[in-house]
């Protein structure tokens, strides 16, 4: 039974080879290097504004989060239903946070 369990476990994570792990690591390293380049060179020199820099940080951080969740947390190898459930839950959480921030700022402005 243990040999059968080992085979199933190996088949489940078949896509994560050492080569793939290092490939994802270097993607994450490259994205981090781009973020540092933006923060330490482009914004202080005035090549891009803070708004564009913040947008770039958010976009690059979301790409990094995708790689971490997909490969290192093995979500890429899970069934479609689990991926969909997690994605929909995350979208609702973000939606409710944005609604609360909007409502809070509205009340702050109207109460003062």
N, C-alpha and C. Protein backbone atom coordinates (compact mmCIF):
# COMPACT_ATOMS: atom_id res chain seq x y z
N UNK A 1 0.82 -1.19 0.00
CA UNK A 1 0.00 0.00 0.00
C UNK A 1 0.86 1.26 0.00
N UNK A 2 2.01 1.22 0.65
CA UNK A 2 2.85 2.41 0.69
C UNK A 2 3.45 2.71 -0.67
N UNK A 3 3.77 1.69 -1.46
CA UNK A 3 4.29 1.92 -2.80
C UNK A 3 3.23 2.56 -3.69
N UNK A 4 1.98 2.13 -3.51
CA UNK A 4 0.88 2.71 -4.28
C UNK A 4 0.67 4.17 -3.89
N UNK A 5 0.75 4.47 -2.60
CA UNK A 5 0.60 5.84 -2.12
C UNK A 5 1.71 6.74 -2.66
N UNK A 6 2.94 6.24 -2.68
CA UNK A 6 4.06 7.01 -3.20
C UNK A 6 3.89 7.30 -4.68
N UNK A 7 3.39 6.32 -5.43
CA UNK A 7 3.17 6.52 -6.87
C UNK A 7 2.12 7.59 -7.11
N UNK A 8 1.01 7.56 -6.34
CA UNK A 8 -0.04 8.56 -6.50
C UNK A 8 0.48 9.95 -6.14
N UNK A 9 1.27 10.03 -5.08
CA UNK A 9 1.82 11.31 -4.66
C UNK A 9 2.77 11.86 -5.72
N UNK A 10 3.57 11.00 -6.33
CA UNK A 10 4.49 11.43 -7.37
C UNK A 10 3.73 11.88 -8.62
N UNK A 11 2.67 11.18 -8.98
CA UNK A 11 1.89 11.55 -10.16
C UNK A 11 1.16 12.87 -9.95
N UNK A 12 0.77 13.13 -8.69
CA UNK A 12 0.04 14.36 -8.40
C UNK A 12 0.90 15.60 -8.62
N UNK A 13 2.18 15.53 -8.26
CA UNK A 13 3.08 16.68 -8.37
C UNK A 13 4.13 16.44 -9.45
N UNK A 14 3.72 15.81 -10.50
CA UNK A 14 4.63 15.46 -11.57
C UNK A 14 5.19 16.69 -12.27
N UNK A 15 4.43 17.79 -12.31
CA UNK A 15 4.86 18.98 -13.02
C UNK A 15 5.95 19.78 -12.31
N UNK A 16 6.21 19.52 -11.04
CA UNK A 16 7.20 20.29 -10.29
C UNK A 16 8.54 19.56 -10.30
N UNK A 17 9.33 19.84 -11.28
CA UNK A 17 10.68 19.30 -11.34
C UNK A 17 11.65 20.34 -10.80
N UNK A 18 12.88 19.92 -10.57
CA UNK A 18 13.88 20.88 -10.09
C UNK A 18 14.08 21.99 -11.11
N UNK A 19 14.02 21.63 -12.39
CA UNK A 19 14.19 22.63 -13.44
C UNK A 19 13.07 23.68 -13.37
N UNK A 20 11.83 23.23 -13.17
CA UNK A 20 10.70 24.14 -13.10
C UNK A 20 10.78 25.03 -11.86
N UNK A 21 11.23 24.45 -10.73
CA UNK A 21 11.36 25.23 -9.51
C UNK A 21 12.38 26.35 -9.71
N UNK A 22 13.52 26.03 -10.31
CA UNK A 22 14.53 27.06 -10.55
C UNK A 22 14.05 28.08 -11.58
N UNK A 23 13.29 27.63 -12.57
CA UNK A 23 12.76 28.55 -13.57
C UNK A 23 11.82 29.57 -12.92
N UNK A 24 10.92 29.10 -12.07
CA UNK A 24 10.00 30.00 -11.37
C UNK A 24 10.78 30.92 -10.42
N UNK A 25 11.81 30.38 -9.76
CA UNK A 25 12.64 31.20 -8.88
C UNK A 25 13.27 32.35 -9.65
N UNK A 26 13.81 32.08 -10.84
CA UNK A 26 14.45 33.15 -11.61
C UNK A 26 13.42 34.13 -12.18
N UNK A 27 12.19 33.67 -12.47
CA UNK A 27 11.13 34.61 -12.85
C UNK A 27 10.86 35.57 -11.69
N UNK A 28 10.72 35.02 -10.49
CA UNK A 28 10.45 35.85 -9.32
C UNK A 28 11.62 36.79 -9.03
N UNK A 29 12.84 36.31 -9.20
CA UNK A 29 14.02 37.15 -9.01
C UNK A 29 14.05 38.29 -10.02
N UNK A 30 13.71 38.00 -11.27
CA UNK A 30 13.68 39.04 -12.30
C UNK A 30 12.62 40.09 -12.03
N UNK A 31 11.43 39.65 -11.61
CA UNK A 31 10.37 40.59 -11.30
C UNK A 31 10.77 41.48 -10.12
N UNK A 32 11.40 40.88 -9.10
CA UNK A 32 11.87 41.66 -7.95
C UNK A 32 12.94 42.66 -8.37
N UNK A 33 13.82 42.26 -9.27
CA UNK A 33 14.86 43.18 -9.76
C UNK A 33 14.22 44.36 -10.49
N UNK A 34 13.18 44.10 -11.27
CA UNK A 34 12.48 45.19 -11.97
C UNK A 34 11.83 46.13 -10.95
N UNK A 35 11.24 45.58 -9.90
CA UNK A 35 10.64 46.42 -8.86
C UNK A 35 11.69 47.30 -8.18
N UNK A 36 12.85 46.73 -7.88
CA UNK A 36 13.92 47.52 -7.27
C UNK A 36 14.42 48.59 -8.23
N UNK A 37 14.53 48.27 -9.51
CA UNK A 37 14.96 49.23 -10.50
C UNK A 37 14.00 50.42 -10.57
N UNK A 38 12.71 50.11 -10.54
CA UNK A 38 11.71 51.17 -10.55
C UNK A 38 11.83 52.03 -9.30
N UNK A 39 11.96 51.36 -8.13
CA UNK A 39 11.96 52.09 -6.85
C UNK A 39 13.24 52.89 -6.63
N UNK A 40 14.38 52.35 -7.05
CA UNK A 40 15.65 52.99 -6.71
C UNK A 40 16.24 53.85 -7.83
N UNK A 41 15.74 53.70 -9.04
CA UNK A 41 16.32 54.48 -10.14
C UNK A 41 15.28 55.34 -10.85
N UNK A 42 14.20 54.72 -11.32
CA UNK A 42 13.27 55.43 -12.19
C UNK A 42 12.47 56.51 -11.45
N UNK A 43 11.94 56.19 -10.27
CA UNK A 43 11.14 57.18 -9.54
C UNK A 43 12.01 58.30 -9.00
N UNK A 44 13.16 58.02 -8.34
CA UNK A 44 13.98 59.15 -7.85
C UNK A 44 14.52 60.05 -8.96
N UNK A 45 14.81 59.50 -10.13
CA UNK A 45 15.31 60.32 -11.24
C UNK A 45 14.19 61.08 -11.94
N UNK A 46 12.96 60.77 -11.61
CA UNK A 46 11.83 61.46 -12.23
C UNK A 46 11.45 60.91 -13.60
N UNK A 47 11.91 59.71 -13.94
CA UNK A 47 11.57 59.13 -15.24
C UNK A 47 10.12 58.68 -15.30
N UNK A 48 9.57 58.27 -14.16
CA UNK A 48 8.14 57.94 -14.09
C UNK A 48 7.60 58.55 -12.80
N UNK A 49 6.30 58.79 -12.79
CA UNK A 49 5.66 59.38 -11.61
C UNK A 49 5.34 58.32 -10.56
N UNK A 50 4.96 58.80 -9.39
CA UNK A 50 4.63 57.88 -8.30
C UNK A 50 3.38 57.05 -8.62
N UNK A 51 2.42 57.63 -9.30
CA UNK A 51 1.20 56.90 -9.65
C UNK A 51 1.49 55.73 -10.56
N UNK A 52 2.28 55.98 -11.58
CA UNK A 52 2.66 54.90 -12.51
C UNK A 52 3.53 53.88 -11.79
N UNK A 53 4.42 54.36 -10.92
CA UNK A 53 5.26 53.44 -10.15
C UNK A 53 4.43 52.55 -9.24
N UNK A 54 3.43 53.13 -8.56
CA UNK A 54 2.56 52.33 -7.71
C UNK A 54 1.77 51.31 -8.52
N UNK A 55 1.27 51.72 -9.67
CA UNK A 55 0.55 50.78 -10.53
C UNK A 55 1.47 49.64 -10.96
N UNK A 56 2.71 49.95 -11.31
CA UNK A 56 3.67 48.92 -11.71
C UNK A 56 3.96 47.98 -10.55
N UNK A 57 4.11 48.52 -9.33
CA UNK A 57 4.34 47.67 -8.15
C UNK A 57 3.19 46.70 -7.95
N UNK A 58 1.98 47.21 -8.04
CA UNK A 58 0.80 46.36 -7.82
C UNK A 58 0.73 45.27 -8.89
N UNK A 59 0.93 45.64 -10.15
CA UNK A 59 0.87 44.65 -11.23
C UNK A 59 1.96 43.60 -11.07
N UNK A 60 3.18 44.02 -10.79
CA UNK A 60 4.28 43.07 -10.63
C UNK A 60 4.09 42.19 -9.40
N UNK A 61 3.54 42.75 -8.33
CA UNK A 61 3.28 41.96 -7.13
C UNK A 61 2.21 40.92 -7.39
N UNK A 62 1.20 41.26 -8.17
CA UNK A 62 0.17 40.27 -8.52
C UNK A 62 0.74 39.15 -9.37
N UNK A 63 1.66 39.47 -10.27
CA UNK A 63 2.31 38.43 -11.08
C UNK A 63 3.14 37.52 -10.18
N UNK A 64 3.87 38.12 -9.23
CA UNK A 64 4.65 37.31 -8.30
C UNK A 64 3.74 36.43 -7.44
N UNK A 65 2.63 36.98 -6.99
CA UNK A 65 1.69 36.20 -6.19
C UNK A 65 1.13 35.02 -6.99
N UNK A 66 0.86 35.23 -8.28
CA UNK A 66 0.39 34.13 -9.12
C UNK A 66 1.41 33.01 -9.17
N UNK A 67 2.66 33.35 -9.42
CA UNK A 67 3.70 32.31 -9.51
C UNK A 67 3.87 31.58 -8.19
N UNK A 68 3.83 32.29 -7.08
CA UNK A 68 4.01 31.65 -5.78
C UNK A 68 2.84 30.71 -5.48
N UNK A 69 1.63 31.18 -5.71
CA UNK A 69 0.45 30.35 -5.42
C UNK A 69 0.36 29.19 -6.40
N UNK A 70 0.62 29.44 -7.66
CA UNK A 70 0.45 28.40 -8.67
C UNK A 70 1.48 27.29 -8.55
N UNK A 71 2.72 27.65 -8.34
CA UNK A 71 3.77 26.63 -8.38
C UNK A 71 4.24 26.18 -7.00
N UNK A 72 4.53 27.10 -6.09
CA UNK A 72 5.06 26.70 -4.80
C UNK A 72 3.97 26.21 -3.86
N UNK A 73 2.73 26.67 -4.04
CA UNK A 73 1.63 26.17 -3.23
C UNK A 73 0.83 25.12 -4.00
N UNK A 74 1.30 24.75 -5.17
CA UNK A 74 0.77 23.65 -6.00
C UNK A 74 -0.68 23.84 -6.44
N UNK A 75 -1.18 25.07 -6.48
CA UNK A 75 -2.55 25.28 -6.92
C UNK A 75 -2.71 25.01 -8.41
N UNK A 76 -1.66 25.17 -9.19
CA UNK A 76 -1.74 24.93 -10.62
C UNK A 76 -2.07 23.46 -10.92
N UNK A 77 -1.73 22.58 -10.00
CA UNK A 77 -1.92 21.16 -10.23
C UNK A 77 -3.20 20.62 -9.59
N UNK A 78 -4.03 21.51 -9.04
CA UNK A 78 -5.27 21.08 -8.41
C UNK A 78 -6.40 21.01 -9.43
N UNK A 79 -7.53 20.52 -8.98
CA UNK A 79 -8.70 20.40 -9.85
C UNK A 79 -9.32 21.78 -10.08
N UNK A 80 -10.05 21.88 -11.18
CA UNK A 80 -10.64 23.15 -11.61
C UNK A 80 -11.60 23.71 -10.57
N UNK A 81 -12.39 22.86 -9.92
CA UNK A 81 -13.38 23.33 -8.94
C UNK A 81 -12.70 24.02 -7.77
N UNK A 82 -11.60 23.48 -7.29
CA UNK A 82 -10.90 24.11 -6.17
C UNK A 82 -10.31 25.46 -6.60
N UNK A 83 -9.72 25.51 -7.79
CA UNK A 83 -9.17 26.78 -8.28
C UNK A 83 -10.27 27.83 -8.41
N UNK A 84 -11.41 27.44 -8.94
CA UNK A 84 -12.52 28.36 -9.13
C UNK A 84 -13.05 28.86 -7.79
N UNK A 85 -13.20 27.95 -6.84
CA UNK A 85 -13.70 28.35 -5.52
C UNK A 85 -12.78 29.34 -4.83
N UNK A 86 -11.49 29.11 -4.90
CA UNK A 86 -10.53 30.03 -4.28
C UNK A 86 -10.54 31.37 -5.00
N UNK A 87 -10.59 31.35 -6.31
CA UNK A 87 -10.57 32.59 -7.10
C UNK A 87 -11.82 33.43 -6.83
N UNK A 88 -12.99 32.80 -6.84
CA UNK A 88 -14.23 33.53 -6.60
C UNK A 88 -14.24 34.11 -5.18
N UNK A 89 -13.79 33.33 -4.21
CA UNK A 89 -13.72 33.84 -2.83
C UNK A 89 -12.79 35.03 -2.73
N UNK A 90 -11.65 34.97 -3.37
CA UNK A 90 -10.70 36.07 -3.35
C UNK A 90 -11.28 37.32 -4.00
N UNK A 91 -11.99 37.15 -5.10
CA UNK A 91 -12.61 38.29 -5.77
C UNK A 91 -13.64 38.96 -4.86
N UNK A 92 -14.48 38.16 -4.17
CA UNK A 92 -15.46 38.74 -3.25
C UNK A 92 -14.79 39.44 -2.08
N UNK A 93 -13.72 38.89 -1.55
CA UNK A 93 -13.02 39.53 -0.44
C UNK A 93 -12.47 40.89 -0.87
N UNK A 94 -11.83 40.93 -2.03
CA UNK A 94 -11.29 42.19 -2.55
C UNK A 94 -12.42 43.20 -2.80
N UNK A 95 -13.53 42.71 -3.36
CA UNK A 95 -14.69 43.56 -3.63
C UNK A 95 -15.23 44.18 -2.34
N UNK A 96 -15.37 43.37 -1.29
CA UNK A 96 -15.87 43.89 -0.02
C UNK A 96 -14.90 44.86 0.63
N UNK A 97 -13.61 44.62 0.50
CA UNK A 97 -12.62 45.56 1.05
C UNK A 97 -12.73 46.91 0.34
N UNK A 98 -12.84 46.89 -0.98
CA UNK A 98 -12.99 48.14 -1.74
C UNK A 98 -14.27 48.86 -1.35
N UNK A 99 -15.37 48.12 -1.21
CA UNK A 99 -16.63 48.75 -0.80
C UNK A 99 -16.52 49.39 0.58
N UNK A 100 -15.87 48.69 1.52
CA UNK A 100 -15.72 49.26 2.86
C UNK A 100 -14.84 50.51 2.85
N UNK A 101 -13.79 50.52 2.04
CA UNK A 101 -12.94 51.70 1.95
C UNK A 101 -13.70 52.88 1.35
N UNK A 102 -14.49 52.61 0.32
CA UNK A 102 -15.28 53.68 -0.30
C UNK A 102 -16.31 54.22 0.68
N UNK A 103 -17.01 53.31 1.36
CA UNK A 103 -18.03 53.74 2.32
C UNK A 103 -17.40 54.49 3.49
N UNK A 104 -16.26 54.02 3.97
CA UNK A 104 -15.58 54.69 5.08
C UNK A 104 -15.12 56.08 4.70
N UNK A 105 -14.58 56.24 3.50
CA UNK A 105 -14.13 57.57 3.09
C UNK A 105 -15.32 58.49 2.87
N UNK A 106 -16.44 57.96 2.38
CA UNK A 106 -17.64 58.78 2.20
C UNK A 106 -18.16 59.28 3.54
N UNK A 107 -18.22 58.37 4.52
CA UNK A 107 -18.70 58.77 5.84
C UNK A 107 -17.75 59.76 6.50
N UNK A 108 -16.44 59.58 6.29
CA UNK A 108 -15.46 60.50 6.87
C UNK A 108 -15.68 61.90 6.30
N UNK A 109 -15.92 62.01 5.01
CA UNK A 109 -16.10 63.31 4.38
C UNK A 109 -17.44 63.93 4.81
N UNK A 110 -18.49 63.13 4.88
CA UNK A 110 -19.81 63.64 5.22
C UNK A 110 -19.98 63.98 6.69
N UNK A 111 -19.27 63.28 7.57
CA UNK A 111 -19.40 63.52 9.01
C UNK A 111 -18.63 64.77 9.42
N UNK A 112 -17.59 65.14 8.71
CA UNK A 112 -16.78 66.31 9.10
C UNK A 112 -17.30 67.53 8.47
